[in-house]
PDB file of N, CA and C in Angstrom:
ATOM      1  N   MET A   1     112.958  93.147 118.310  1.00  0.00           N
ATOM      2  CA  MET A   1     113.109  92.047 117.217  1.00  0.00           C
ATOM      3  C   MET A   1     114.374  91.265 117.223  1.00  0.00           C
ATOM      4  N   THR A   2     114.562  90.086 116.889  1.00  0.00           N
ATOM      5  CA  THR A   2     115.780  89.416 117.016  1.00  0.00           C
ATOM      6  C   THR A   2     116.180  89.653 115.690  1.00  0.00           C
ATOM      7  N   GLU A   3     117.547  89.584 115.475  1.00  0.00           N
ATOM      8  CA  GLU A   3     118.359  89.479 114.267  1.00  0.00           C
ATOM      9  C   GLU A   3     117.889  88.885 112.895  1.00  0.00           C
ATOM     10  N   MET A   4     117.135  87.537 113.930  1.00  0.00           N
ATOM     11  CA  MET A   4     117.006  86.295 112.436  1.00  0.00           C
ATOM     12  C   MET A   4     115.442  87.380 111.925  1.00  0.00           C
ATOM     13  N   ALA A   5     114.731  87.812 112.470  1.00  0.00           N
ATOM     14  CA  ALA A   5     113.916  88.343 112.358  1.00  0.00           C
ATOM     15  C   ALA A   5     113.896  89.485 111.070  1.00  0.00           C
ATOM     16  N   SER A   6     115.171  90.519 111.410  1.00  0.00           N
ATOM     17  CA  SER A   6     115.182  91.524 110.650  1.00  0.00           C
ATOM     18  C   SER A   6     115.615  91.139 109.546  1.00  0.00           C
ATOM     19  N   LYS A   7     116.525  90.270 109.729  1.00  0.00           N
ATOM     20  CA  LYS A   7     117.432  89.589 108.247  1.00  0.00           C
ATOM     21  C   LYS A   7     116.145  89.063 107.203  1.00  0.00           C
ATOM     22  N   ILE A   8     115.365  88.596 107.887  1.00  0.00           N
ATOM     23  CA  ILE A   8     114.378  87.979 107.229  1.00  0.00           C
ATOM     24  C   ILE A   8     113.605  89.281 106.735  1.00  0.00           C
ATOM     25  N   LEU A   9     112.960  89.853 107.272  1.00  0.00           N
ATOM     26  CA  LEU A   9     112.631  91.389 106.625  1.00  0.00           C
ATOM     27  C   LEU A   9     113.372  92.014 105.472  1.00  0.00           C
ATOM     28  N   GLU A  10     114.433  92.301 106.257  1.00  0.00           N
ATOM     29  CA  GLU A  10     115.603  93.072 105.181  1.00  0.00           C
ATOM     30  C   GLU A  10     115.370  92.200 103.217  1.00  0.00           C
ATOM     31  N   ASP A  11     115.773  90.522 103.134  1.00  0.00           N
ATOM     32  CA  ASP A  11     115.620  89.905 102.803  1.00  0.00           C
ATOM     33  C   ASP A  11     114.286  90.276 102.288  1.00  0.00           C
ATOM     34  N   SER A  12     112.875  90.741 102.632  1.00  0.00           N
ATOM     35  CA  SER A  12     111.986  90.490 101.835  1.00  0.00           C
ATOM     36  C   SER A  12     111.560  91.913 101.440  1.00  0.00           C
ATOM     37  N   LEU A  13     111.966  92.751 101.540  1.00  0.00           N
ATOM     38  CA  LEU A  13     112.254  94.385 100.899  1.00  0.00           C
ATOM     39  C   LEU A  13     112.106  93.802  99.531  1.00  0.00           C
ATOM     40  N   GLU A  14     110.946  95.036  98.619  1.00  0.00           N
ATOM     41  CA  GLU A  14     110.299  94.935  97.707  1.00  0.00           C
ATOM     42  C   GLU A  14     109.869  94.015  96.973  1.00  0.00           C
ATOM     43  N   LYS A  15     109.739  92.907  98.126  1.00  0.00           N
ATOM     44  CA  LYS A  15     108.902  91.358  97.837  1.00  0.00           C
ATOM     45  C   LYS A  15     108.034  91.673  98.068  1.00  0.00           C
ATOM     46  N   LEU A  16     106.799  90.575  97.676  1.00  0.00           N
ATOM     47  CA  LEU A  16     105.830  90.348  98.228  1.00  0.00           C
ATOM     48  C   LEU A  16     106.061  89.792  99.409  1.00  0.00           C
ATOM     49  N   VAL A  17     104.993  90.222 100.340  1.00  0.00           N
ATOM     50  CA  VAL A  17     104.423  89.555 101.347  1.00  0.00           C
ATOM     51  C   VAL A  17     103.269  89.070 101.877  1.00  0.00           C
ATOM     52  N   LEU A  18     102.850  88.268 102.975  1.00  0.00           N
ATOM     53  CA  LEU A  18     101.587  88.430 103.501  1.00  0.00           C
ATOM     54  C   LEU A  18     101.795  88.578 105.004  1.00  0.00           C
ATOM     55  N   VAL A  19     101.109  89.207 105.481  1.00  0.00           N
ATOM     56  CA  VAL A  19     100.916  89.565 106.863  1.00  0.00           C
ATOM     57  C   VAL A  19      99.763  89.387 107.255  1.00  0.00           C
ATOM     58  N   ARG A  20      99.488  88.255 108.301  1.00  0.00           N
ATOM     59  CA  ARG A  20      98.287  88.253 109.480  1.00  0.00           C
ATOM     60  C   ARG A  20      98.431  88.960 110.608  1.00  0.00           C
ATOM     61  N   LEU A  21      97.013  89.467 110.911  1.00  0.00           N
ATOM     62  CA  LEU A  21      96.998  90.770 111.530  1.00  0.00           C
ATOM     63  C   LEU A  21      95.961  89.752 112.612  1.00  0.00           C
ATOM     64  N   ARG A  22      96.295  90.733 113.961  1.00  0.00           N
ATOM     65  CA  ARG A  22      95.281  90.185 115.053  1.00  0.00           C
ATOM     66  C   ARG A  22      93.269  90.458 114.637  1.00  0.00           C
ATOM     67  N   GLY A  23      93.093  89.780 115.097  1.00  0.00           N
ATOM     68  CA  GLY A  23      91.812  90.033 114.383  1.00  0.00           C
ATOM     69  C   GLY A  23      90.888  89.137 113.165  1.00  0.00           C
ATOM     70  N   GLY A  24      92.395  88.151 112.583  1.00  0.00           N
ATOM     71  CA  GLY A  24      91.888  87.297 111.294  1.00  0.00           C
ATOM     72  C   GLY A  24      92.237  88.041 110.202  1.00  0.00           C
ATOM     73  N   ARG A  25      91.699  88.874 109.962  1.00  0.00           N
ATOM     74  CA  ARG A  25      93.163  89.967 108.433  1.00  0.00           C
ATOM     75  C   ARG A  25      93.787  89.125 108.106  1.00  0.00           C
ATOM     76  N   SER A  26      94.143  89.100 106.478  1.00  0.00           N
ATOM     77  CA  SER A  26      94.877  88.893 106.179  1.00  0.00           C
ATOM     78  C   SER A  26      95.205  90.004 104.911  1.00  0.00           C
ATOM     79  N   ILE A  27      96.759  90.427 104.887  1.00  0.00           N
ATOM     80  CA  ILE A  27      96.832  91.564 103.873  1.00  0.00           C
ATOM     81  C   ILE A  27      98.476  90.940 103.211  1.00  0.00           C
ATOM     82  N   ARG A  28      97.912  91.262 102.248  1.00  0.00           N
ATOM     83  CA  ARG A  28      99.401  91.181 100.923  1.00  0.00           C
ATOM     84  C   ARG A  28      99.574  92.125  99.976  1.00  0.00           C
ATOM     85  N   GLY A  29     101.049  92.648  99.862  1.00  0.00           N
ATOM     86  CA  GLY A  29     101.810  93.634  99.570  1.00  0.00           C
ATOM     87  C   GLY A  29     103.207  93.089  99.702  1.00  0.00           C
ATOM     88  N   LYS A  30     103.329  94.157  99.039  1.00  0.00           N
ATOM     89  CA  LYS A  30     105.115  94.912  98.861  1.00  0.00           C
ATOM     90  C   LYS A  30     105.641  95.542 100.251  1.00  0.00           C
ATOM     91  N   LEU A  31     106.816  94.506 100.262  1.00  0.00           N
ATOM     92  CA  LEU A  31     107.098  95.182 101.742  1.00  0.00           C
ATOM     93  C   LEU A  31     108.080  96.457 101.129  1.00  0.00           C
ATOM     94  N   LYS A  32     107.826  97.344 101.742  1.00  0.00           N
ATOM     95  CA  LYS A  32     108.431  98.635 101.117  1.00  0.00           C
ATOM     96  C   LYS A  32     109.390  99.279 102.598  1.00  0.00           C
ATOM     97  N   GLY A  33     109.091  98.812 103.665  1.00  0.00           N
ATOM     98  CA  GLY A  33     109.954  99.405 104.675  1.00  0.00           C
ATOM     99  C   GLY A  33     109.342  98.650 105.899  1.00  0.00           C
ATOM    100  N   PHE A  34     110.211  98.977 107.431  1.00  0.00           N
ATOM    101  CA  PHE A  34     109.851  98.242 108.873  1.00  0.00           C
ATOM    102  C   PHE A  34     110.877  98.842 109.729  1.00  0.00           C
ATOM    103  N   ASP A  35     110.236  98.686 110.964  1.00  0.00           N
ATOM    104  CA  ASP A  35     111.436  99.526 111.627  1.00  0.00           C
ATOM    105  C   ASP A  35     111.736  98.629 113.039  1.00  0.00           C
ATOM    106  N   GLN A  36     112.318  98.792 114.150  1.00  0.00           N
ATOM    107  CA  GLN A  36     112.086  97.636 114.959  1.00  0.00           C
ATOM    108  C   GLN A  36     111.461  97.244 115.929  1.00  0.00           C
ATOM    109  N   HIS A  37     110.515  98.097 115.786  1.00  0.00           N
ATOM    110  CA  HIS A  37     108.945  97.322 116.421  1.00  0.00           C
ATOM    111  C   HIS A  37     108.070  96.531 114.990  1.00  0.00           C
ATOM    112  N   MET A  38     108.316  96.559 114.276  1.00  0.00           N
ATOM    113  CA  MET A  38     108.033  95.568 113.479  1.00  0.00           C
ATOM    114  C   MET A  38     106.602  96.205 112.721  1.00  0.00           C
ATOM    115  N   ASN A  39     106.683  97.458 112.780  1.00  0.00           N
ATOM    116  CA  ASN A  39     105.456  98.394 111.759  1.00  0.00           C
ATOM    117  C   ASN A  39     106.241  98.650 110.635  1.00  0.00           C
ATOM    118  N   LEU A  40     104.945  98.058 109.721  1.00  0.00           N
ATOM    119  CA  LEU A  40     105.566  97.710 107.988  1.00  0.00           C
ATOM    120  C   LEU A  40     104.597  98.794 107.494  1.00  0.00           C
ATOM    121  N   VAL A  41     105.262  99.118 106.000  1.00  0.00           N
ATOM    122  CA  VAL A  41     104.903  99.806 105.364  1.00  0.00           C
ATOM    123  C   VAL A  41     104.134  99.039 103.929  1.00  0.00           C
ATOM    124  N   LEU A  42     103.236  98.403 103.672  1.00  0.00           N
ATOM    125  CA  LEU A  42     103.137  97.715 102.316  1.00  0.00           C
ATOM    126  C   LEU A  42     102.732  98.622 101.169  1.00  0.00           C
ATOM    127  N   GLU A  43     103.336  98.319 100.219  1.00  0.00           N
ATOM    128  CA  GLU A  43     102.905  99.158  99.089  1.00  0.00           C
ATOM    129  C   GLU A  43     101.556  98.216  97.786  1.00  0.00           C
ATOM    130  N   ASP A  44     100.770  98.924  97.484  1.00  0.00           N
ATOM    131  CA  ASP A  44      99.975  97.381  96.843  1.00  0.00           C
ATOM    132  C   ASP A  44      99.265  96.658  97.315  1.00  0.00           C
ATOM    133  N   ALA A  45      98.548  96.943  98.866  1.00  0.00           N
ATOM    134  CA  ALA A  45      98.345  96.615  99.672  1.00  0.00           C
ATOM    135  C   ALA A  45      96.623  95.608  99.388  1.00  0.00           C
ATOM    136  N   GLU A  46      97.033  94.518  99.039  1.00  0.00           N
ATOM    137  CA  GLU A  46      95.342  93.853  98.981  1.00  0.00           C
ATOM    138  C   GLU A  46      94.734  93.206 100.559  1.00  0.00           C
ATOM    139  N   ASP A  47      93.339  93.040 101.036  1.00  0.00           N
ATOM    140  CA  ASP A  47      93.186  92.816 102.242  1.00  0.00           C
ATOM    141  C   ASP A  47      92.406  91.345 101.636  1.00  0.00           C
ATOM    142  N   ALA A  48      93.595  90.710 101.657  1.00  0.00           N
ATOM    143  CA  ALA A  48      93.289  89.028 101.581  1.00  0.00           C
ATOM    144  C   ALA A  48      92.697  88.182 102.224  1.00  0.00           C
ATOM    145  N   SER A  49      92.070  88.650 102.979  1.00  0.00           N
ATOM    146  CA  SER A  49      91.387  87.821 104.251  1.00  0.00           C
ATOM    147  C   SER A  49      89.793  86.908 103.979  1.00  0.00           C
ATOM    148  N   ASP A  50      89.274  87.654 102.931  1.00  0.00           N
ATOM    149  CA  ASP A  50      88.575  86.376 102.136  1.00  0.00           C
ATOM    150  C   ASP A  50      89.033  86.578 100.532  1.00  0.00           C
ATOM    151  N   ASN A  51      89.482  84.899 100.172  1.00  0.00           N
ATOM    152  CA  ASN A  51      89.949  85.000  98.731  1.00  0.00           C
ATOM    153  C   ASN A  51      88.713  85.159  98.063  1.00  0.00           C
ATOM    154  N   GLU A  52      87.301  85.002  97.812  1.00  0.00           N
ATOM    155  CA  GLU A  52      86.357  85.409  96.767  1.00  0.00           C
ATOM    156  C   GLU A  52      86.428  86.437  96.506  1.00  0.00           C
ATOM    157  N   ASN A  53      86.948  87.582  97.688  1.00  0.00           N
ATOM    158  CA  ASN A  53      86.421  88.887  97.395  1.00  0.00           C
ATOM    159  C   ASN A  53      87.730  90.006  97.633  1.00  0.00           C
ATOM    160  N   ILE A  54      88.898  89.976  97.000  1.00  0.00           N
ATOM    161  CA  ILE A  54      89.990  90.474  97.551  1.00  0.00           C
ATOM    162  C   ILE A  54      89.421  91.914  96.897  1.00  0.00           C
ATOM    163  N   GLU A  55      90.083  93.157  98.560  1.00  0.00           N
ATOM    164  CA  GLU A  55      89.779  94.121  98.470  1.00  0.00           C
ATOM    165  C   GLU A  55      91.424  95.430  98.095  1.00  0.00           C
ATOM    166  N   LYS A  56      91.194  96.084  97.589  1.00  0.00           N
ATOM    167  CA  LYS A  56      92.855  96.953  96.787  1.00  0.00           C
ATOM    168  C   LYS A  56      92.762  97.922  98.432  1.00  0.00           C
ATOM    169  N   ILE A  57      93.662  97.720  99.021  1.00  0.00           N
ATOM    170  CA  ILE A  57      93.789  99.190  99.659  1.00  0.00           C
ATOM    171  C   ILE A  57      95.162 100.239  98.984  1.00  0.00           C
ATOM    172  N   GLY A  58      96.105  99.473  98.750  1.00  0.00           N
ATOM    173  CA  GLY A  58      97.172 101.303  98.228  1.00  0.00           C
ATOM    174  C   GLY A  58      97.900 100.926  98.936  1.00  0.00           C
ATOM    175  N   THR A  59      98.690 101.842  99.387  1.00  0.00           N
ATOM    176  CA  THR A  59      99.520 101.937 100.256  1.00  0.00           C
ATOM    177  C   THR A  59      99.377 101.787 101.838  1.00  0.00           C
ATOM    178  N   MET A  60      99.741 101.443 102.578  1.00  0.00           N
ATOM    179  CA  MET A  60      99.563 101.857 104.127  1.00  0.00           C
ATOM    180  C   MET A  60     100.835 101.130 105.225  1.00  0.00           C
ATOM    181  N   ILE A  61     100.260 101.334 106.525  1.00  0.00           N
ATOM    182  CA  ILE A  61     100.979 101.022 107.018  1.00  0.00           C
ATOM    183  C   ILE A  61     100.363 100.357 108.331  1.00  0.00           C
ATOM    184  N   VAL A  62     101.207  99.052 108.756  1.00  0.00           N
ATOM    185  CA  VAL A  62     100.510  98.333 109.685  1.00  0.00           C
ATOM    186  C   VAL A  62     101.168  98.120 111.196  1.00  0.00           C
ATOM    187  N   ARG A  63     100.700  98.908 112.153  1.00  0.00           N
ATOM    188  CA  ARG A  63     101.328  98.654 113.138  1.00  0.00           C
ATOM    189  C   ARG A  63     101.953  97.664 113.663  1.00  0.00           C
ATOM    190  N   GLY A  64     103.257  97.515 114.175  1.00  0.00           N
ATOM    191  CA  GLY A  64     104.045  96.030 114.428  1.00  0.00           C
ATOM    192  C   GLY A  64     102.776  95.274 116.371  1.00  0.00           C
ATOM    193  N   ASP A  65     102.163  95.990 116.770  1.00  0.00           N
ATOM    194  CA  ASP A  65     101.473  95.449 117.533  1.00  0.00           C
ATOM    195  C   ASP A  65     100.357  94.698 117.355  1.00  0.00           C
ATOM    196  N   ASN A  66     100.007  94.816 116.007  1.00  0.00           N
ATOM    197  CA  ASN A  66      98.929  93.953 115.101  1.00  0.00           C
ATOM    198  C   ASN A  66      99.115  92.822 114.807  1.00  0.00           C
ATOM    199  N   VAL A  67     100.751  92.730 114.398  1.00  0.00           N
ATOM    200  CA  VAL A  67     101.022  91.590 113.500  1.00  0.00           C
ATOM    201  C   VAL A  67     101.351  90.498 113.952  1.00  0.00           C
ATOM    202  N   ILE A  68     100.837  89.467 113.900  1.00  0.00           N
ATOM    203  CA  ILE A  68     101.014  87.656 114.181  1.00  0.00           C
ATOM    204  C   ILE A  68     102.223  87.076 113.557  1.00  0.00           C
ATOM    205  N   ILE A  69     102.411  87.049 111.957  1.00  0.00           N
ATOM    206  CA  ILE A  69     102.750  86.509 111.275  1.00  0.00           C
ATOM    207  C   ILE A  69     103.001  86.949 110.167  1.00  0.00           C
ATOM    208  N   VAL A  70     104.580  87.285 109.193  1.00  0.00           N
ATOM    209  CA  VAL A  70     104.410  87.750 108.564  1.00  0.00           C
ATOM    210  C   VAL A  70     105.772  86.530 107.592  1.00  0.00           C
ATOM    211  N   SER A  71     104.526  86.119 106.536  1.00  0.00           N
ATOM    212  CA  SER A  71     105.214  85.341 105.308  1.00  0.00           C
ATOM    213  C   SER A  71     106.102  85.985 104.203  1.00  0.00           C
ATOM    214  N   PRO A  72     107.066  85.792 103.916  1.00  0.00           N
ATOM    215  CA  PRO A  72     107.808  86.679 103.266  1.00  0.00           C
ATOM    216  C   PRO A  72     107.496  85.496 101.659  1.00  0.00           C
ATOM    217  N   SER A  73     108.032  85.470 100.444  1.00  0.00           N
ATOM    218  CA  SER A  73     107.682  84.789  99.630  1.00  0.00           C
ATOM    219  C   SER A  73     108.665  84.283  99.125  1.00  0.00           C
ATOM    220  N   PRO A  74     108.162  82.486  98.561  1.00  0.00           N
ATOM    221  CA  PRO A  74     109.019  81.732  98.640  1.00  0.00           C
ATOM    222  C   PRO A  74     110.641  82.094  97.824  1.00  0.00           C
ATOM    223  N   ARG A  75     111.693  81.542  98.360  1.00  0.00           N
ATOM    224  CA  ARG A  75     112.842  82.190  97.141  1.00  0.00           C
ATOM    225  C   ARG A  75     113.038  81.214  95.860  1.00  0.00           C
TER     226      ARG A  75
END
């Protein structure tokens, strides 16, 4: 992971992020932690793939090799 990506994720800790995954899923939740492989820990996560039917997931770990984009909240 680049220094810039690491800095952005550090700045996003304890904030809401949107994570796009392989296969088209989108997960929204509070970023609680991450590692050098971009594995993410999200709290209060929701499956936001379908805006009409948002499914609450709770706390989850997302494997970094499934992550396509992490979008931090606007500052």
